[in-house]
Structure formats: C-alpha cells, structure tokens
Amino acid sequence: MRKILIAEDNVEISDMMRNYLKRAGHIVYQAYDGEQALDFARSMEPDLVLLDIMMPIKDGYEVCRTLRKEMDIPIIVVSAKVAEEDKERMFALGADDYMTKPFSFNEMNMRVGAQLRRYYEFNANKNKGTRHYGELTVSSERFEAKYKEETIALTAKEFKILDYLTLNENQIIPKQKLIDEVWGVDEYIDENTVAVTIARLREKLAKVGVTNIVTVWGLGYKWQF
C-alpha cells in the first residue's frame, strides 16, 4: 500500500483516478491547484505524484520543478498537452513518465505500479549494505564510512545521520524525522542538538573533500548526489 497524491483541478477526473487507485490498494490524496499540491506533498510525503500541467495558482511545470528539488519520488504527468515540447519540458524538469488525456485508467494503474516497483523495490535492494559516492563508501552492515581505504572516525550518532541521509539520497529529511530515526521517539532532543551533530559530521567529511550534506532552510537536510 502506497500513498499517491493526485494533483488535478478537474474534480471529475480526479475522483475517477482516485477510485481506480483505491481499488488497487493505494491511499489517495487529492489536490486541486499547484500550491495545494506542494503543501500536501510536504506534509504527507507521498510515494508518487500524478501531476496535471494546467492547474490554478501554480502550474505543473512549477510544481514538478519544486518537487524534484525537494524530494526523490516518482512523478507521472497526466495532461491534455500532446506537443513534443511540453513532454520534453516536463522530462527536463524531472518527470518520470507522461500520459496524455484521455487515457485508460487501467493503464494509469499499470504505470503507477511500474514506477513504484522501480523506485522502491529496485532502489531498496540497491541501497542495502554498501553505497558508494565517488571515493566515499558508506556501509550500513559494517556501521562504517570510508574515504578510499581510510575509515572516517564518526560517533554513533554521526554515522546514523550519515547512514539515514544516504539511504534517502536527494530527499529532504525534516529535523524531527532525523531525531526520531537517530535518537528515537522516546528521547527528548532539541533541534539545536541535531544542528550541532550535523556540523561535526560535515566538518569530518569536509576534511576528505565530501560536501554532500545540504541544508534546506526551513525544511531540513538532504544528501545531495
């Protein structure tokens, strides 16, 4: 069961998409303009977005551009625009697939399933164990980070942050999510503790030329690669 966000201003089409997706076992959220779509995406963290282009307030181009900067999730464009330049523009902005209206709802479900498998089943297997970023190696199994063949001396909390950020590369991780994952939900930790630990981790990584931890002001941190 995955969380799907439909960003579509046509209520009738949106409801039909919702019904087919719910029959496939997904949890479905609906947004009817671009600004609402971004607000929903940031608050409910969907596993996939179905995105119309022509929407009020913020169009699909702006929504796609912003989503791709802030999170690494599948984006399927669903639009009446059939021109090659529109498709090229959306793919350049980071869309993963493009469906033109009118479309088959069964085909929509198949495309959604294919994107979810590619992103979450394939990537989950790829990310288990050891991940490589140039000369940097991060191993969840060995609980260690190495630059070339030299182990980087990290505290347990520093490694847990590095491990979690790299497991979710290119996704914005809110500070509270890091607290829950690294320190645990039962331990009271303020955001300043997170900032200090991140600063120490960055300093150690910077000594070997690694600067992939990015602060997204007001939102959190991400491993950008």
C-alpha atoms as a PDB file:
ATOM      1  CA  MET A   1       0.000   0.000   0.000  1.00  0.00           C
ATOM      2  CA  ARG A   2       1.467   3.325  -1.124  1.00  0.00           C
ATOM      3  CA  LYS A   3       0.459   6.973  -0.698  1.00  0.00           C
ATOM      4  CA  ILE A   4      -0.483   8.581  -4.007  1.00  0.00           C
ATOM      5  CA  LEU A   5      -1.059  12.314  -4.489  1.00  0.00           C
ATOM      6  CA  ILE A   6      -3.289  13.356  -7.405  1.00  0.00           C
ATOM      7  CA  ALA A   7      -2.713  16.977  -8.480  1.00  0.00           C
ATOM      8  CA  GLU A   8      -5.598  17.596 -10.877  1.00  0.00           C
ATOM      9  CA  ASP A   9      -8.006  20.555 -10.949  1.00  0.00           C
ATOM     10  CA  ASN A  10     -10.766  18.672 -12.784  1.00  0.00           C
ATOM     11  CA  VAL A  11     -12.763  17.184  -9.909  1.00  0.00           C
ATOM     12  CA  GLU A  12     -14.476  14.534 -12.024  1.00  0.00           C
ATOM     13  CA  ILE A  13     -11.208  13.231 -13.495  1.00  0.00           C
ATOM     14  CA  SER A  14      -9.513  13.399 -10.103  1.00  0.00           C
ATOM     15  CA  ASP A  15     -12.286  11.364  -8.470  1.00  0.00           C
ATOM     16  CA  MET A  16     -12.137   8.709 -11.182  1.00  0.00           C
ATOM     17  CA  MET A  17      -8.371   8.447 -10.798  1.00  0.00           C
ATOM     18  CA  ARG A  18      -8.811   8.182  -7.032  1.00  0.00           C
ATOM     19  CA  ASN A  19     -11.364   5.379  -7.348  1.00  0.00           C
ATOM     20  CA  TYR A  20      -9.126   3.258  -9.600  1.00  0.00           C
ATOM     21  CA  LEU A  21      -6.085   3.815  -7.395  1.00  0.00           C
ATOM     22  CA  LYS A  22      -8.003   2.925  -4.240  1.00  0.00           C
ATOM     23  CA  ARG A  23      -9.200  -0.289  -5.874  1.00  0.00           C
ATOM     24  CA  ALA A  24      -5.521  -1.107  -6.465  1.00  0.00           C
ATOM     25  CA  GLY A  25      -4.965  -0.764  -2.715  1.00  0.00           C
ATOM     26  CA  HIS A  26      -3.360   2.684  -2.514  1.00  0.00           C
ATOM     27  CA  ILE A  27      -4.021   5.534  -0.100  1.00  0.00           C
ATOM     28  CA  VAL A  28      -5.018   8.533  -2.206  1.00  0.00           C
ATOM     29  CA  TYR A  29      -4.868  12.282  -1.568  1.00  0.00           C
ATOM     30  CA  GLN A  30      -6.267  14.923  -3.922  1.00  0.00           C
ATOM     31  CA  ALA A  31      -5.055  18.464  -4.612  1.00  0.00           C
ATOM     32  CA  TYR A  32      -6.873  20.835  -6.941  1.00  0.00           C
ATOM     33  CA  ASP A  33      -4.248  23.521  -7.532  1.00  0.00           C
ATOM     34  CA  GLY A  34      -0.455  23.646  -7.671  1.00  0.00           C
ATOM     35  CA  GLU A  35       0.059  25.352  -4.334  1.00  0.00           C
ATOM     36  CA  GLN A  36      -2.155  22.849  -2.542  1.00  0.00           C
ATOM     37  CA  ALA A  37      -0.259  20.031  -4.262  1.00  0.00           C
ATOM     38  CA  LEU A  38       3.061  21.268  -2.867  1.00  0.00           C
ATOM     39  CA  ASP A  39       1.589  21.770   0.605  1.00  0.00           C
ATOM     40  CA  PHE A  40       0.172  18.230   0.588  1.00  0.00           C
ATOM     41  CA  ALA A  41       3.420  16.748  -0.727  1.00  0.00           C
ATOM     42  CA  ARG A  42       5.442  18.382   2.045  1.00  0.00           C
ATOM     43  CA  SER A  43       3.045  17.361   4.796  1.00  0.00           C
ATOM     44  CA  MET A  44       2.044  13.820   3.821  1.00  0.00           C
ATOM     45  CA  GLU A  45       5.199  12.744   1.933  1.00  0.00           C
ATOM     46  CA  PRO A  46       3.613  10.763  -0.925  1.00  0.00           C
ATOM     47  CA  ASP A  47       5.270   7.796  -2.590  1.00  0.00           C
ATOM     48  CA  LEU A  48       4.184   9.001  -6.040  1.00  0.00           C
ATOM     49  CA  VAL A  49       2.547  12.062  -7.615  1.00  0.00           C
ATOM     50  CA  LEU A  50       0.176  12.138 -10.591  1.00  0.00           C
ATOM     51  CA  LEU A  51       0.527  15.682 -11.894  1.00  0.00           C
ATOM     52  CA  ASP A  52      -1.579  17.744 -14.298  1.00  0.00           C
ATOM     53  CA  ILE A  53       0.113  20.681 -16.054  1.00  0.00           C
ATOM     54  CA  MET A  54      -2.683  23.234 -16.387  1.00  0.00           C
ATOM     55  CA  MET A  55      -3.627  23.991 -12.773  1.00  0.00           C
ATOM     56  CA  PRO A  56      -4.566  27.189 -10.926  1.00  0.00           C
ATOM     57  CA  ILE A  57      -2.137  29.256  -8.791  1.00  0.00           C
ATOM     58  CA  LYS A  58       0.946  27.196  -9.714  1.00  0.00           C
ATOM     59  CA  ASP A  59       1.088  25.149 -12.882  1.00  0.00           C
ATOM     60  CA  GLY A  60       2.503  21.672 -13.256  1.00  0.00           C
ATOM     61  CA  TYR A  61       5.825  22.969 -14.551  1.00  0.00           C
ATOM     62  CA  GLU A  62       6.472  24.867 -11.330  1.00  0.00           C
ATOM     63  CA  VAL A  63       5.174  22.037  -9.166  1.00  0.00           C
ATOM     64  CA  CYS A  64       7.386  19.465 -10.919  1.00  0.00           C
ATOM     65  CA  ARG A  65      10.456  21.694 -10.648  1.00  0.00           C
ATOM     66  CA  THR A  66       9.871  22.242  -6.921  1.00  0.00           C
ATOM     67  CA  LEU A  67       9.046  18.619  -6.143  1.00  0.00           C
ATOM     68  CA  ARG A  68      12.189  17.388  -7.855  1.00  0.00           C
ATOM     69  CA  LYS A  69      14.332  19.808  -5.840  1.00  0.00           C
ATOM     70  CA  GLU A  70      12.777  18.777  -2.540  1.00  0.00           C
ATOM     71  CA  MET A  71      12.156  15.044  -2.807  1.00  0.00           C
ATOM     72  CA  ASP A  72      13.049  11.961  -4.802  1.00  0.00           C
ATOM     73  CA  ILE A  73       9.707  10.382  -5.695  1.00  0.00           C
ATOM     74  CA  PRO A  74       8.140   9.215  -8.972  1.00  0.00           C
ATOM     75  CA  ILE A  75       6.248  11.941 -10.862  1.00  0.00           C
ATOM     76  CA  ILE A  76       3.830  10.898 -13.610  1.00  0.00           C
ATOM     77  CA  VAL A  77       2.467  13.767 -15.692  1.00  0.00           C
ATOM     78  CA  VAL A  78      -1.168  13.437 -16.767  1.00  0.00           C
ATOM     79  CA  SER A  79      -2.025  16.190 -19.250  1.00  0.00           C
ATOM     80  CA  ALA A  80      -4.067  17.111 -22.310  1.00  0.00           C
ATOM     81  CA  LYS A  81      -0.941  18.733 -23.750  1.00  0.00           C
ATOM     82  CA  VAL A  82       0.341  16.480 -26.519  1.00  0.00           C
ATOM     83  CA  ALA A  83       3.068  18.635 -28.089  1.00  0.00           C
ATOM     84  CA  GLU A  84       6.578  17.205 -28.010  1.00  0.00           C
ATOM     85  CA  GLU A  85       7.953  20.408 -26.493  1.00  0.00           C
ATOM     86  CA  ASP A  86       5.614  20.081 -23.495  1.00  0.00           C
ATOM     87  CA  LYS A  87       6.736  16.499 -22.921  1.00  0.00           C
ATOM     88  CA  GLU A  88      10.384  17.435 -23.323  1.00  0.00           C
ATOM     89  CA  ARG A  89       9.995  20.300 -20.862  1.00  0.00           C
ATOM     90  CA  MET A  90       8.396  18.100 -18.192  1.00  0.00           C
ATOM     91  CA  PHE A  91      11.011  15.375 -18.574  1.00  0.00           C
ATOM     92  CA  ALA A  92      13.726  18.035 -18.344  1.00  0.00           C
ATOM     93  CA  LEU A  93      12.163  19.223 -15.083  1.00  0.00           C
ATOM     94  CA  GLY A  94      12.370  15.720 -13.657  1.00  0.00           C
ATOM     95  CA  ALA A  95       9.144  13.903 -14.591  1.00  0.00           C
ATOM     96  CA  ASP A  96       9.424  10.107 -14.805  1.00  0.00           C
ATOM     97  CA  ASP A  97       6.501   9.376 -17.115  1.00  0.00           C
ATOM     98  CA  TYR A  98       3.933  11.247 -19.225  1.00  0.00           C
ATOM     99  CA  MET A  99       0.356  10.236 -20.020  1.00  0.00           C
ATOM    100  CA  THR A 100      -1.861  12.221 -22.395  1.00  0.00           C
ATOM    101  CA  LYS A 101      -5.592  12.724 -21.831  1.00  0.00           C
ATOM    102  CA  PRO A 102      -7.840  10.937 -22.465  1.00  0.00           C
ATOM    103  CA  PHE A 103      -6.184   7.845 -21.038  1.00  0.00           C
ATOM    104  CA  SER A 104      -7.060   4.374 -19.810  1.00  0.00           C
ATOM    105  CA  PHE A 105      -7.399   4.179 -16.032  1.00  0.00           C
ATOM    106  CA  ASN A 106      -6.191   0.598 -16.138  1.00  0.00           C
ATOM    107  CA  GLU A 107      -3.090   1.785 -17.969  1.00  0.00           C
ATOM    108  CA  MET A 108      -2.668   4.501 -15.318  1.00  0.00           C
ATOM    109  CA  ASN A 109      -2.668   1.840 -12.603  1.00  0.00           C
ATOM    110  CA  MET A 110      -0.107  -0.203 -14.536  1.00  0.00           C
ATOM    111  CA  ARG A 111       2.177   2.804 -14.987  1.00  0.00           C
ATOM    112  CA  VAL A 112       1.828   3.711 -11.318  1.00  0.00           C
ATOM    113  CA  GLY A 113       2.717   0.147 -10.333  1.00  0.00           C
ATOM    114  CA  ALA A 114       5.739   0.111 -12.637  1.00  0.00           C
ATOM    115  CA  GLN A 115       7.102   3.381 -11.240  1.00  0.00           C
ATOM    116  CA  LEU A 116       6.568   2.255  -7.647  1.00  0.00           C
ATOM    117  CA  ARG A 117       8.407  -1.012  -8.297  1.00  0.00           C
ATOM    118  CA  ARG A 118      11.287   0.780  -9.986  1.00  0.00           C
ATOM    119  CA  TYR A 119      11.691   3.361  -7.265  1.00  0.00           C
ATOM    120  CA  TYR A 120      11.062   1.346  -4.126  1.00  0.00           C
ATOM    121  CA  GLU A 121      11.765  -2.314  -4.786  1.00  0.00           C
ATOM    122  CA  PHE A 122      14.788  -1.864  -7.059  1.00  0.00           C
ATOM    123  CA  ASN A 123      16.219   1.078  -5.087  1.00  0.00           C
ATOM    124  CA  ALA A 124      15.673  -0.693  -1.770  1.00  0.00           C
ATOM    125  CA  ASN A 125      17.763  -3.639  -2.934  1.00  0.00           C
ATOM    126  CA  LYS A 126      20.357  -1.297  -4.432  1.00  0.00           C
ATOM    127  CA  ASN A 127      20.711   0.686  -1.197  1.00  0.00           C
ATOM    128  CA  LYS A 128      21.061  -2.241   1.190  1.00  0.00           C
ATOM    129  CA  GLY A 129      24.518  -2.772   2.566  1.00  0.00           C
ATOM    130  CA  THR A 130      27.116  -0.546   0.942  1.00  0.00           C
ATOM    131  CA  ARG A 131      26.703   2.688  -1.019  1.00  0.00           C
ATOM    132  CA  HIS A 132      29.429   4.459  -2.994  1.00  0.00           C
ATOM    133  CA  TYR A 133      29.768   8.190  -3.630  1.00  0.00           C
ATOM    134  CA  GLY A 134      32.981   8.703  -5.534  1.00  0.00           C
ATOM    135  CA  GLU A 135      35.758   7.723  -3.108  1.00  0.00           C
ATOM    136  CA  LEU A 136      33.353   7.682  -0.146  1.00  0.00           C
ATOM    137  CA  THR A 137      31.839   4.364   0.951  1.00  0.00           C
ATOM    138  CA  VAL A 138      29.012   4.100   3.492  1.00  0.00           C
ATOM    139  CA  SER A 139      28.211   0.634   4.842  1.00  0.00           C
ATOM    140  CA  SER A 140      25.066   0.077   6.911  1.00  0.00           C
ATOM    141  CA  GLU A 141      26.059  -3.523   7.610  1.00  0.00           C
ATOM    142  CA  ARG A 142      29.569  -2.695   8.858  1.00  0.00           C
ATOM    143  CA  PHE A 143      28.433   0.552  10.506  1.00  0.00           C
ATOM    144  CA  GLU A 144      31.328   2.465   8.977  1.00  0.00           C
ATOM    145  CA  ALA A 145      32.212   5.172   6.490  1.00  0.00           C
ATOM    146  CA  LYS A 146      35.461   5.090   4.490  1.00  0.00           C
ATOM    147  CA  TYR A 147      37.187   7.532   2.193  1.00  0.00           C
ATOM    148  CA  LYS A 148      39.300   5.467  -0.164  1.00  0.00           C
ATOM    149  CA  GLU A 149      40.622   2.860   2.275  1.00  0.00           C
ATOM    150  CA  GLU A 150      40.708   5.077   5.375  1.00  0.00           C
ATOM    151  CA  THR A 151      37.934   4.781   7.956  1.00  0.00           C
ATOM    152  CA  ILE A 152      36.383   8.122   8.930  1.00  0.00           C
ATOM    153  CA  ALA A 153      36.139   8.370  12.715  1.00  0.00           C
ATOM    154  CA  LEU A 154      32.464   9.068  13.401  1.00  0.00           C
ATOM    155  CA  THR A 155      30.449   8.826  16.581  1.00  0.00           C
ATOM    156  CA  ALA A 156      27.441   6.508  16.575  1.00  0.00           C
ATOM    157  CA  LYS A 157      25.027   9.418  16.145  1.00  0.00           C
ATOM    158  CA  GLU A 158      27.108  10.976  13.362  1.00  0.00           C
ATOM    159  CA  PHE A 159      27.167   7.695  11.458  1.00  0.00           C
ATOM    160  CA  LYS A 160      23.455   7.119  11.959  1.00  0.00           C
ATOM    161  CA  ILE A 161      22.745  10.542  10.451  1.00  0.00           C
ATOM    162  CA  LEU A 162      25.065   9.857   7.516  1.00  0.00           C
ATOM    163  CA  ASP A 163      23.574   6.400   7.026  1.00  0.00           C
ATOM    164  CA  TYR A 164      19.982   7.660   7.077  1.00  0.00           C
ATOM    165  CA  LEU A 165      20.655  10.609   4.775  1.00  0.00           C
ATOM    166  CA  THR A 166      22.464   8.440   2.219  1.00  0.00           C
ATOM    167  CA  LEU A 167      19.763   5.760   2.360  1.00  0.00           C
ATOM    168  CA  ASN A 168      17.345   8.543   1.390  1.00  0.00           C
ATOM    169  CA  GLU A 169      19.618  10.422  -1.006  1.00  0.00           C
ATOM    170  CA  ASN A 170      18.233  13.551  -2.679  1.00  0.00           C
ATOM    171  CA  GLN A 171      15.237  13.595  -0.317  1.00  0.00           C
ATOM    172  CA  ILE A 172      14.680  16.354   2.231  1.00  0.00           C
ATOM    173  CA  ILE A 173      14.644  14.879   5.741  1.00  0.00           C
ATOM    174  CA  PRO A 174      12.978  17.121   8.358  1.00  0.00           C
ATOM    175  CA  LYS A 175      14.892  17.649  11.604  1.00  0.00           C
ATOM    176  CA  GLN A 176      12.175  15.895  13.602  1.00  0.00           C
ATOM    177  CA  LYS A 177      12.427  12.852  11.325  1.00  0.00           C
ATOM    178  CA  LEU A 178      16.185  12.695  11.977  1.00  0.00           C
ATOM    179  CA  ILE A 179      15.538  12.956  15.705  1.00  0.00           C
ATOM    180  CA  ASP A 180      13.056  10.070  15.561  1.00  0.00           C
ATOM    181  CA  GLU A 181      15.342   7.878  13.415  1.00  0.00           C
ATOM    182  CA  VAL A 182      18.690   8.636  15.096  1.00  0.00           C
ATOM    183  CA  TRP A 183      17.863   9.364  18.733  1.00  0.00           C
ATOM    184  CA  GLY A 184      14.484   7.654  18.980  1.00  0.00           C
ATOM    185  CA  VAL A 185      10.968   8.894  19.661  1.00  0.00           C
ATOM    186  CA  ASP A 186      11.297   8.378  23.411  1.00  0.00           C
ATOM    187  CA  GLU A 187      14.344  10.621  23.851  1.00  0.00           C
ATOM    188  CA  TYR A 188      13.888  14.383  24.103  1.00  0.00           C
ATOM    189  CA  ILE A 189      16.308  16.115  21.747  1.00  0.00           C
ATOM    190  CA  ASP A 190      16.012  19.710  20.571  1.00  0.00           C
ATOM    191  CA  GLU A 191      16.768  20.831  17.017  1.00  0.00           C
ATOM    192  CA  ASN A 192      19.964  22.556  18.122  1.00  0.00           C
ATOM    193  CA  THR A 193      21.439  19.169  19.062  1.00  0.00           C
ATOM    194  CA  VAL A 194      20.732  17.964  15.525  1.00  0.00           C
ATOM    195  CA  ALA A 195      22.367  21.077  14.045  1.00  0.00           C
ATOM    196  CA  VAL A 196      25.489  20.641  16.207  1.00  0.00           C
ATOM    197  CA  THR A 197      25.799  16.941  15.325  1.00  0.00           C
ATOM    198  CA  ILE A 198      25.350  17.713  11.624  1.00  0.00           C
ATOM    199  CA  ALA A 199      28.012  20.429  11.881  1.00  0.00           C
ATOM    200  CA  ARG A 200      30.517  17.957  13.409  1.00  0.00           C
ATOM    201  CA  LEU A 201      29.698  15.383  10.737  1.00  0.00           C
ATOM    202  CA  ARG A 202      30.146  17.956   7.975  1.00  0.00           C
ATOM    203  CA  GLU A 203      33.490  19.033   9.396  1.00  0.00           C
ATOM    204  CA  LYS A 204      34.801  15.464   9.388  1.00  0.00           C
ATOM    205  CA  LEU A 205      33.551  14.818   5.858  1.00  0.00           C
ATOM    206  CA  ALA A 206      34.932  18.141   4.601  1.00  0.00           C
ATOM    207  CA  LYS A 207      38.434  17.040   5.631  1.00  0.00           C
ATOM    208  CA  VAL A 208      38.293  14.458   2.837  1.00  0.00           C
ATOM    209  CA  GLY A 209      36.523  16.789   0.421  1.00  0.00           C
ATOM    210  CA  VAL A 210      32.969  15.459   0.866  1.00  0.00           C
ATOM    211  CA  THR A 211      30.342  18.216   0.994  1.00  0.00           C
ATOM    212  CA  ASN A 212      27.117  16.439   0.037  1.00  0.00           C
ATOM    213  CA  ILE A 213      25.029  17.299   3.110  1.00  0.00           C
ATOM    214  CA  VAL A 214      22.806  20.215   2.150  1.00  0.00           C
ATOM    215  CA  THR A 215      20.676  22.360   4.455  1.00  0.00           C
ATOM    216  CA  VAL A 216      17.255  23.164   3.038  1.00  0.00           C
ATOM    217  CA  TRP A 217      16.315  26.154   5.145  1.00  0.00           C
ATOM    218  CA  GLY A 218      13.024  25.785   6.969  1.00  0.00           C
ATOM    219  CA  LEU A 219      12.633  22.157   5.885  1.00  0.00           C
ATOM    220  CA  GLY A 220      15.597  20.010   6.944  1.00  0.00           C
ATOM    221  CA  TYR A 221      18.636  18.305   5.415  1.00  0.00           C
ATOM    222  CA  LYS A 222      19.378  16.104   2.446  1.00  0.00           C
ATOM    223  CA  TRP A 223      22.255  14.107   0.974  1.00  0.00           C
ATOM    224  CA  GLN A 224      22.620  15.613  -2.486  1.00  0.00           C
ATOM    225  CA  PHE A 225      24.314  13.436  -5.056  1.00  0.00           C
END
